[in-house]
Amino acid sequence: MITADYTRERLAELLAAAPEPDLVAAADACLSDGADLTVLTAPEVGCVAVQVREPIAHDRFYLGNVLACHAEVRVAGTRGWALRMGDDRAAVLAAAVCDAEVAADRPHAHVVRDLCARVEQDLDRADQEEWARIAPTIVQFEELT
């Protein structure tokens, strides 16, 4: 599979959307070479304020709080960090390991990039399916001159 080079932000976004079993499998692969793992911040559950932008005037406002879990690790001397909605501690710890693997460009970074490419395809497909489902409800207005 050909994978793209992701920015750190895009990588975090895709890891946050990845299914837990896939994340854990990728993290296990990353640690399979005996890399030294240090948990800097154990998975911690809390609330995060969600800020959104109103689409017409582009004003930002706080929509509310969501439950989120974050963790930070060091894998072979490189820090990794992850934040996911919900309270899945195993998934956020695995995502942090995957982040460190890619940040250090370690031997199993390609496994993480492949996972991110699959997640990106799944998200794109879901987006296209949603647009196809709602397309018949779009109202077209005629402009009078």
N, C-alpha and C. Protein backbone atom coordinates (compact mmCIF):
# COMPACT_ATOMS: atom_id res chain seq x y z
N MET A 1 0.84 -1.17 0.00
CA MET A 1 0.00 0.00 0.00
C MET A 1 0.89 1.24 0.00
N ILE A 2 0.58 2.18 -0.87
CA ILE A 2 1.32 3.44 -0.91
C ILE A 2 0.68 4.39 0.09
N THR A 3 1.49 4.93 0.98
CA THR A 3 0.94 5.81 2.01
C THR A 3 1.55 7.19 1.87
N ALA A 4 0.81 8.16 2.33
CA ALA A 4 1.25 9.55 2.27
C ALA A 4 2.08 9.88 3.51
N ASP A 5 2.85 10.95 3.40
CA ASP A 5 3.50 11.48 4.58
C ASP A 5 2.51 12.41 5.25
N TYR A 6 2.19 12.13 6.48
CA TYR A 6 1.20 12.91 7.20
C TYR A 6 1.88 13.91 8.11
N THR A 7 1.26 15.09 8.27
CA THR A 7 1.74 16.03 9.28
C THR A 7 1.44 15.41 10.65
N ARG A 8 2.07 15.93 11.65
CA ARG A 8 1.84 15.41 13.01
C ARG A 8 0.37 15.58 13.40
N GLU A 9 -0.23 16.72 12.98
CA GLU A 9 -1.62 16.99 13.31
C GLU A 9 -2.55 15.99 12.61
N ARG A 10 -2.29 15.74 11.32
CA ARG A 10 -3.14 14.81 10.56
C ARG A 10 -2.98 13.39 11.10
N LEU A 11 -1.76 13.02 11.47
CA LEU A 11 -1.52 11.71 12.06
C LEU A 11 -2.34 11.55 13.34
N ALA A 12 -2.31 12.57 14.20
CA ALA A 12 -3.08 12.52 15.46
C ALA A 12 -4.57 12.40 15.18
N GLU A 13 -5.04 13.12 14.16
CA GLU A 13 -6.46 13.07 13.80
C GLU A 13 -6.86 11.67 13.34
N LEU A 14 -6.03 11.06 12.51
CA LEU A 14 -6.36 9.72 11.99
C LEU A 14 -6.23 8.65 13.07
N LEU A 15 -5.23 8.77 13.93
CA LEU A 15 -5.09 7.81 15.03
C LEU A 15 -6.27 7.93 16.00
N ALA A 16 -6.79 9.14 16.17
CA ALA A 16 -7.95 9.34 17.05
C ALA A 16 -9.20 8.68 16.49
N ALA A 17 -9.24 8.48 15.18
CA ALA A 17 -10.41 7.88 14.54
C ALA A 17 -10.25 6.38 14.29
N ALA A 18 -9.06 5.86 14.51
CA ALA A 18 -8.79 4.44 14.21
C ALA A 18 -9.49 3.52 15.21
N PRO A 19 -9.94 2.36 14.74
CA PRO A 19 -10.56 1.39 15.66
C PRO A 19 -9.53 0.85 16.66
N GLU A 20 -9.98 0.61 17.88
CA GLU A 20 -9.07 0.16 18.94
C GLU A 20 -8.29 -1.11 18.57
N PRO A 21 -8.93 -2.15 18.04
CA PRO A 21 -8.15 -3.37 17.74
C PRO A 21 -7.01 -3.11 16.75
N ASP A 22 -7.25 -2.25 15.77
CA ASP A 22 -6.21 -1.93 14.79
C ASP A 22 -5.08 -1.13 15.43
N LEU A 23 -5.44 -0.21 16.32
CA LEU A 23 -4.42 0.59 17.02
C LEU A 23 -3.55 -0.29 17.91
N VAL A 24 -4.18 -1.16 18.66
CA VAL A 24 -3.43 -2.04 19.57
C VAL A 24 -2.50 -2.95 18.78
N ALA A 25 -2.98 -3.47 17.66
CA ALA A 25 -2.13 -4.33 16.81
C ALA A 25 -0.94 -3.55 16.27
N ALA A 26 -1.17 -2.31 15.84
CA ALA A 26 -0.08 -1.47 15.33
C ALA A 26 0.92 -1.15 16.44
N ALA A 27 0.43 -0.82 17.62
CA ALA A 27 1.32 -0.52 18.75
C ALA A 27 2.13 -1.75 19.15
N ASP A 28 1.50 -2.91 19.14
CA ASP A 28 2.23 -4.15 19.44
C ASP A 28 3.35 -4.38 18.44
N ALA A 29 3.07 -4.11 17.16
CA ALA A 29 4.11 -4.24 16.13
C ALA A 29 5.25 -3.26 16.39
N CYS A 30 4.89 -2.04 16.79
CA CYS A 30 5.91 -1.01 17.06
C CYS A 30 6.83 -1.41 18.21
N LEU A 31 6.28 -2.10 19.18
CA LEU A 31 7.07 -2.49 20.36
C LEU A 31 7.67 -3.88 20.23
N SER A 32 7.42 -4.56 19.13
CA SER A 32 7.87 -5.94 18.97
C SER A 32 9.39 -6.08 18.87
N ASP A 33 10.08 -4.98 18.58
CA ASP A 33 11.54 -5.05 18.49
C ASP A 33 12.21 -4.82 19.84
N GLY A 34 11.41 -4.76 20.90
CA GLY A 34 11.97 -4.59 22.24
C GLY A 34 12.30 -3.15 22.59
N ALA A 35 11.70 -2.21 21.87
CA ALA A 35 11.96 -0.79 22.14
C ALA A 35 11.60 -0.45 23.58
N ASP A 36 12.37 0.46 24.16
CA ASP A 36 12.14 0.90 25.52
C ASP A 36 10.90 1.79 25.55
N LEU A 37 9.91 1.44 26.35
CA LEU A 37 8.67 2.21 26.48
C LEU A 37 8.58 2.80 27.87
N THR A 38 8.39 4.11 27.93
CA THR A 38 8.16 4.79 29.20
C THR A 38 6.85 5.54 29.08
N VAL A 39 5.94 5.30 30.01
CA VAL A 39 4.67 6.04 30.03
C VAL A 39 4.90 7.31 30.83
N LEU A 40 4.85 8.45 30.14
CA LEU A 40 5.08 9.74 30.79
C LEU A 40 3.81 10.26 31.46
N THR A 41 2.69 10.11 30.78
CA THR A 41 1.38 10.45 31.34
C THR A 41 0.47 9.27 31.09
N ALA A 42 0.09 8.59 32.16
CA ALA A 42 -0.81 7.44 32.02
C ALA A 42 -2.13 7.92 31.41
N PRO A 43 -2.83 7.05 30.71
CA PRO A 43 -4.11 7.45 30.12
C PRO A 43 -5.01 8.10 31.17
N GLU A 44 -5.45 9.29 30.86
CA GLU A 44 -6.22 10.10 31.79
C GLU A 44 -7.50 10.57 31.11
N VAL A 45 -8.62 10.37 31.77
CA VAL A 45 -9.91 10.77 31.21
C VAL A 45 -10.32 12.11 31.80
N GLY A 46 -10.84 12.97 30.95
CA GLY A 46 -11.30 14.28 31.39
C GLY A 46 -12.24 14.88 30.36
N CYS A 47 -12.53 16.14 30.52
CA CYS A 47 -13.41 16.84 29.58
C CYS A 47 -12.60 17.87 28.80
N VAL A 48 -12.97 18.02 27.53
CA VAL A 48 -12.33 19.00 26.66
C VAL A 48 -13.42 19.90 26.10
N ALA A 49 -13.19 21.21 26.14
CA ALA A 49 -14.15 22.15 25.56
C ALA A 49 -14.05 22.09 24.04
N VAL A 50 -15.20 21.97 23.38
CA VAL A 50 -15.23 21.88 21.93
C VAL A 50 -15.60 23.24 21.36
N GLN A 51 -14.68 23.77 20.56
CA GLN A 51 -14.91 25.06 19.91
C GLN A 51 -15.25 24.80 18.44
N VAL A 52 -16.29 25.42 17.96
CA VAL A 52 -16.69 25.27 16.56
C VAL A 52 -16.80 26.65 15.92
N ARG A 53 -16.86 26.64 14.59
CA ARG A 53 -17.00 27.89 13.86
C ARG A 53 -18.35 27.89 13.15
N GLU A 54 -19.10 28.94 13.36
CA GLU A 54 -20.39 29.10 12.69
C GLU A 54 -20.12 29.32 11.20
N PRO A 55 -20.80 28.59 10.30
CA PRO A 55 -20.41 28.58 8.89
C PRO A 55 -20.71 29.85 8.09
N ILE A 56 -21.61 30.69 8.54
CA ILE A 56 -21.96 31.89 7.77
C ILE A 56 -21.06 33.07 8.14
N ALA A 57 -21.10 33.46 9.40
CA ALA A 57 -20.30 34.61 9.85
C ALA A 57 -18.90 34.21 10.29
N HIS A 58 -18.64 32.92 10.38
CA HIS A 58 -17.33 32.39 10.80
C HIS A 58 -16.96 32.79 12.22
N ASP A 59 -17.96 33.00 13.05
CA ASP A 59 -17.71 33.29 14.46
C ASP A 59 -17.45 31.98 15.20
N ARG A 60 -16.46 32.00 16.09
CA ARG A 60 -16.16 30.82 16.89
C ARG A 60 -16.93 30.90 18.21
N PHE A 61 -17.37 29.72 18.66
CA PHE A 61 -18.03 29.66 19.96
C PHE A 61 -17.81 28.27 20.54
N TYR A 62 -17.99 28.16 21.86
CA TYR A 62 -17.84 26.87 22.53
C TYR A 62 -19.18 26.15 22.51
N LEU A 63 -19.16 24.97 21.92
CA LEU A 63 -20.37 24.16 21.79
C LEU A 63 -20.69 23.43 23.09
N GLY A 64 -19.67 22.99 23.77
CA GLY A 64 -19.86 22.24 25.01
C GLY A 64 -18.61 21.45 25.34
N ASN A 65 -18.73 20.52 26.25
CA ASN A 65 -17.61 19.68 26.66
C ASN A 65 -17.83 18.25 26.19
N VAL A 66 -16.73 17.58 25.84
CA VAL A 66 -16.79 16.17 25.46
C VAL A 66 -15.82 15.39 26.34
N LEU A 67 -16.16 14.14 26.58
CA LEU A 67 -15.29 13.24 27.32
C LEU A 67 -14.12 12.85 26.42
N ALA A 68 -12.92 12.95 26.94
CA ALA A 68 -11.73 12.61 26.15
C ALA A 68 -10.69 11.95 27.05
N CYS A 69 -9.80 11.22 26.41
CA CYS A 69 -8.73 10.53 27.12
C CYS A 69 -7.41 10.87 26.43
N HIS A 70 -6.37 11.16 27.20
CA HIS A 70 -5.07 11.47 26.61
C HIS A 70 -3.97 10.70 27.33
N ALA A 71 -2.86 10.53 26.61
CA ALA A 71 -1.70 9.83 27.17
C ALA A 71 -0.45 10.34 26.46
N GLU A 72 0.67 10.21 27.14
CA GLU A 72 1.96 10.58 26.56
C GLU A 72 2.98 9.50 26.93
N VAL A 73 3.78 9.11 25.94
CA VAL A 73 4.78 8.06 26.14
C VAL A 73 6.11 8.49 25.54
N ARG A 74 7.14 7.71 25.89
CA ARG A 74 8.43 7.84 25.22
C ARG A 74 8.80 6.44 24.73
N VAL A 75 9.03 6.33 23.42
CA VAL A 75 9.43 5.06 22.82
C VAL A 75 10.82 5.25 22.24
N ALA A 76 11.78 4.51 22.77
CA ALA A 76 13.17 4.58 22.30
C ALA A 76 13.66 6.03 22.24
N GLY A 77 13.30 6.81 23.26
CA GLY A 77 13.79 8.18 23.36
C GLY A 77 12.96 9.24 22.66
N THR A 78 11.90 8.86 21.96
CA THR A 78 11.06 9.83 21.24
C THR A 78 9.69 9.88 21.88
N ARG A 79 9.22 11.11 22.12
CA ARG A 79 7.92 11.29 22.76
C ARG A 79 6.79 11.09 21.76
N GLY A 80 5.70 10.51 22.26
CA GLY A 80 4.48 10.35 21.49
C GLY A 80 3.30 10.77 22.35
N TRP A 81 2.28 11.30 21.70
CA TRP A 81 1.14 11.84 22.43
C TRP A 81 -0.13 11.50 21.67
N ALA A 82 -1.23 11.33 22.39
CA ALA A 82 -2.51 11.06 21.73
C ALA A 82 -3.66 11.57 22.59
N LEU A 83 -4.73 11.94 21.90
CA LEU A 83 -5.98 12.37 22.52
C LEU A 83 -7.11 11.77 21.70
N ARG A 84 -8.03 11.10 22.38
CA ARG A 84 -9.18 10.49 21.70
C ARG A 84 -10.45 10.81 22.47
N MET A 85 -11.54 10.98 21.74
CA MET A 85 -12.82 11.17 22.41
C MET A 85 -13.22 9.86 23.07
N GLY A 86 -13.88 9.96 24.20
CA GLY A 86 -14.31 8.78 24.93
C GLY A 86 -13.35 8.45 26.06
N ASP A 87 -13.48 7.25 26.59
CA ASP A 87 -12.67 6.87 27.75
C ASP A 87 -11.87 5.59 27.52
N ASP A 88 -11.53 5.31 26.27
CA ASP A 88 -10.80 4.09 25.92
C ASP A 88 -9.30 4.27 26.19
N ARG A 89 -8.88 3.86 27.38
CA ARG A 89 -7.49 4.06 27.80
C ARG A 89 -6.50 3.24 26.97
N ALA A 90 -6.87 2.01 26.63
CA ALA A 90 -5.97 1.15 25.84
C ALA A 90 -5.73 1.75 24.46
N ALA A 91 -6.78 2.27 23.85
CA ALA A 91 -6.66 2.85 22.50
C ALA A 91 -5.80 4.11 22.52
N VAL A 92 -5.96 4.95 23.53
CA VAL A 92 -5.18 6.19 23.55
C VAL A 92 -3.71 5.90 23.84
N LEU A 93 -3.43 4.91 24.67
CA LEU A 93 -2.05 4.53 24.93
C LEU A 93 -1.41 3.96 23.66
N ALA A 94 -2.15 3.12 22.95
CA ALA A 94 -1.66 2.56 21.69
C ALA A 94 -1.42 3.66 20.66
N ALA A 95 -2.32 4.64 20.60
CA ALA A 95 -2.16 5.75 19.66
C ALA A 95 -0.92 6.57 19.98
N ALA A 96 -0.63 6.77 21.26
CA ALA A 96 0.57 7.51 21.65
C ALA A 96 1.84 6.75 21.24
N VAL A 97 1.83 5.43 21.38
CA VAL A 97 2.97 4.61 20.94
C VAL A 97 3.14 4.75 19.44
N CYS A 98 2.05 4.69 18.71
CA CYS A 98 2.10 4.83 17.24
C CYS A 98 2.63 6.20 16.83
N ASP A 99 2.22 7.24 17.55
CA ASP A 99 2.69 8.59 17.27
C ASP A 99 4.20 8.68 17.44
N ALA A 100 4.72 8.11 18.51
CA ALA A 100 6.17 8.12 18.75
C ALA A 100 6.91 7.34 17.68
N GLU A 101 6.34 6.23 17.25
CA GLU A 101 6.97 5.39 16.21
C GLU A 101 7.17 6.18 14.92
N VAL A 102 6.14 6.91 14.52
CA VAL A 102 6.22 7.70 13.29
C VAL A 102 7.13 8.91 13.49
N ALA A 103 7.04 9.56 14.64
CA ALA A 103 7.87 10.74 14.91
C ALA A 103 9.35 10.41 14.83
N ALA A 104 9.72 9.21 15.27
CA ALA A 104 11.12 8.79 15.24
C ALA A 104 11.48 8.08 13.94
N ASP A 105 10.49 7.85 13.08
CA ASP A 105 10.66 7.10 11.83
C ASP A 105 11.35 5.76 12.12
N ARG A 106 10.81 5.08 13.13
CA ARG A 106 11.35 3.78 13.53
C ARG A 106 10.93 2.70 12.54
N PRO A 107 11.43 1.48 12.70
CA PRO A 107 11.21 0.41 11.72
C PRO A 107 9.75 0.07 11.41
N HIS A 108 8.84 0.24 12.36
CA HIS A 108 7.44 -0.11 12.10
C HIS A 108 6.56 1.11 11.84
N ALA A 109 7.18 2.24 11.52
CA ALA A 109 6.40 3.44 11.21
C ALA A 109 5.49 3.21 10.01
N HIS A 110 5.93 2.36 9.08
CA HIS A 110 5.10 2.08 7.90
C HIS A 110 3.80 1.39 8.28
N VAL A 111 3.81 0.60 9.36
CA VAL A 111 2.59 -0.07 9.83
C VAL A 111 1.58 0.98 10.27
N VAL A 112 2.06 2.00 10.98
CA VAL A 112 1.20 3.07 11.46
C VAL A 112 0.69 3.90 10.28
N ARG A 113 1.58 4.21 9.34
CA ARG A 113 1.15 4.99 8.17
C ARG A 113 0.12 4.21 7.35
N ASP A 114 0.30 2.90 7.22
CA ASP A 114 -0.68 2.08 6.50
C ASP A 114 -2.04 2.11 7.21
N LEU A 115 -2.01 2.02 8.54
CA LEU A 115 -3.24 2.11 9.32
C LEU A 115 -3.92 3.45 9.07
N CYS A 116 -3.14 4.52 9.10
CA CYS A 116 -3.71 5.86 8.88
C CYS A 116 -4.30 5.98 7.48
N ALA A 117 -3.65 5.39 6.49
CA ALA A 117 -4.17 5.43 5.12
C ALA A 117 -5.52 4.69 5.04
N ARG A 118 -5.62 3.56 5.74
CA ARG A 118 -6.89 2.82 5.75
C ARG A 118 -7.99 3.62 6.44
N VAL A 119 -7.64 4.24 7.56
CA VAL A 119 -8.62 5.06 8.29
C VAL A 119 -9.06 6.23 7.42
N GLU A 120 -8.12 6.86 6.73
CA GLU A 120 -8.44 7.99 5.86
C GLU A 120 -9.40 7.55 4.75
N GLN A 121 -9.15 6.38 4.16
CA GLN A 121 -10.05 5.86 3.13
C GLN A 121 -11.43 5.57 3.70
N ASP A 122 -11.47 5.00 4.89
CA ASP A 122 -12.76 4.70 5.53
C ASP A 122 -13.54 5.98 5.81
N LEU A 123 -12.85 7.02 6.29
CA LEU A 123 -13.51 8.29 6.56
C LEU A 123 -14.02 8.94 5.28
N ASP A 124 -13.20 8.89 4.22
CA ASP A 124 -13.63 9.44 2.93
C ASP A 124 -14.84 8.70 2.40
N ARG A 125 -14.83 7.39 2.50
CA ARG A 125 -15.95 6.58 2.01
C ARG A 125 -17.22 6.90 2.81
N ALA A 126 -17.10 7.02 4.12
CA ALA A 126 -18.26 7.35 4.95
C ALA A 126 -18.80 8.73 4.60
N ASP A 127 -17.89 9.68 4.32
CA ASP A 127 -18.30 11.03 3.94
C ASP A 127 -19.06 11.00 2.61
N GLN A 128 -18.54 10.26 1.64
CA GLN A 128 -19.20 10.15 0.34
C GLN A 128 -20.57 9.48 0.47
N GLU A 129 -20.66 8.45 1.29
CA GLU A 129 -21.94 7.77 1.50
C GLU A 129 -22.96 8.71 2.15
N GLU A 130 -22.49 9.53 3.09
CA GLU A 130 -23.40 10.47 3.74
C GLU A 130 -23.91 11.51 2.74
N TRP A 131 -23.00 12.04 1.91
CA TRP A 131 -23.42 13.02 0.90
C TRP A 131 -24.37 12.40 -0.10
N ALA A 132 -24.13 11.16 -0.49
CA ALA A 132 -25.04 10.48 -1.42
C ALA A 132 -26.41 10.28 -0.79
N ARG A 133 -26.44 10.04 0.50
CA ARG A 133 -27.70 9.83 1.20
C ARG A 133 -28.50 11.12 1.32
N ILE A 134 -27.82 12.25 1.56
CA ILE A 134 -28.55 13.51 1.76
C ILE A 134 -28.71 14.33 0.48
N ALA A 135 -28.04 13.96 -0.60
CA ALA A 135 -28.12 14.72 -1.85
C ALA A 135 -29.55 14.92 -2.33
N PRO A 136 -30.42 13.92 -2.24
CA PRO A 136 -31.79 14.14 -2.72
C PRO A 136 -32.57 15.19 -1.93
N THR A 137 -32.09 15.56 -0.75
CA THR A 137 -32.81 16.54 0.06
C THR A 137 -32.35 17.96 -0.18
N ILE A 138 -31.34 18.16 -1.04
CA ILE A 138 -30.82 19.50 -1.30
C ILE A 138 -31.86 20.30 -2.09
N VAL A 139 -32.13 21.50 -1.64
CA VAL A 139 -33.08 22.38 -2.31
C VAL A 139 -32.31 23.33 -3.22
N GLN A 140 -32.69 23.36 -4.50
CA GLN A 140 -32.07 24.26 -5.47
C GLN A 140 -33.01 25.45 -5.68
N PHE A 141 -32.52 26.65 -5.44
CA PHE A 141 -33.32 27.85 -5.64
C PHE A 141 -32.97 28.48 -6.97
N GLU A 142 -33.98 28.96 -7.66
CA GLU A 142 -33.75 29.69 -8.91
C GLU A 142 -33.60 31.16 -8.58
N GLU A 143 -32.69 31.79 -9.26
CA GLU A 143 -32.48 33.22 -9.03
C GLU A 143 -33.31 34.00 -10.04
N LEU A 144 -34.09 34.93 -9.54
CA LEU A 144 -34.90 35.78 -10.40
C LEU A 144 -34.11 37.02 -10.77
N THR A 145 -34.15 37.38 -12.04
CA THR A 145 -33.42 38.59 -12.45
C THR A 145 -34.37 39.64 -12.95
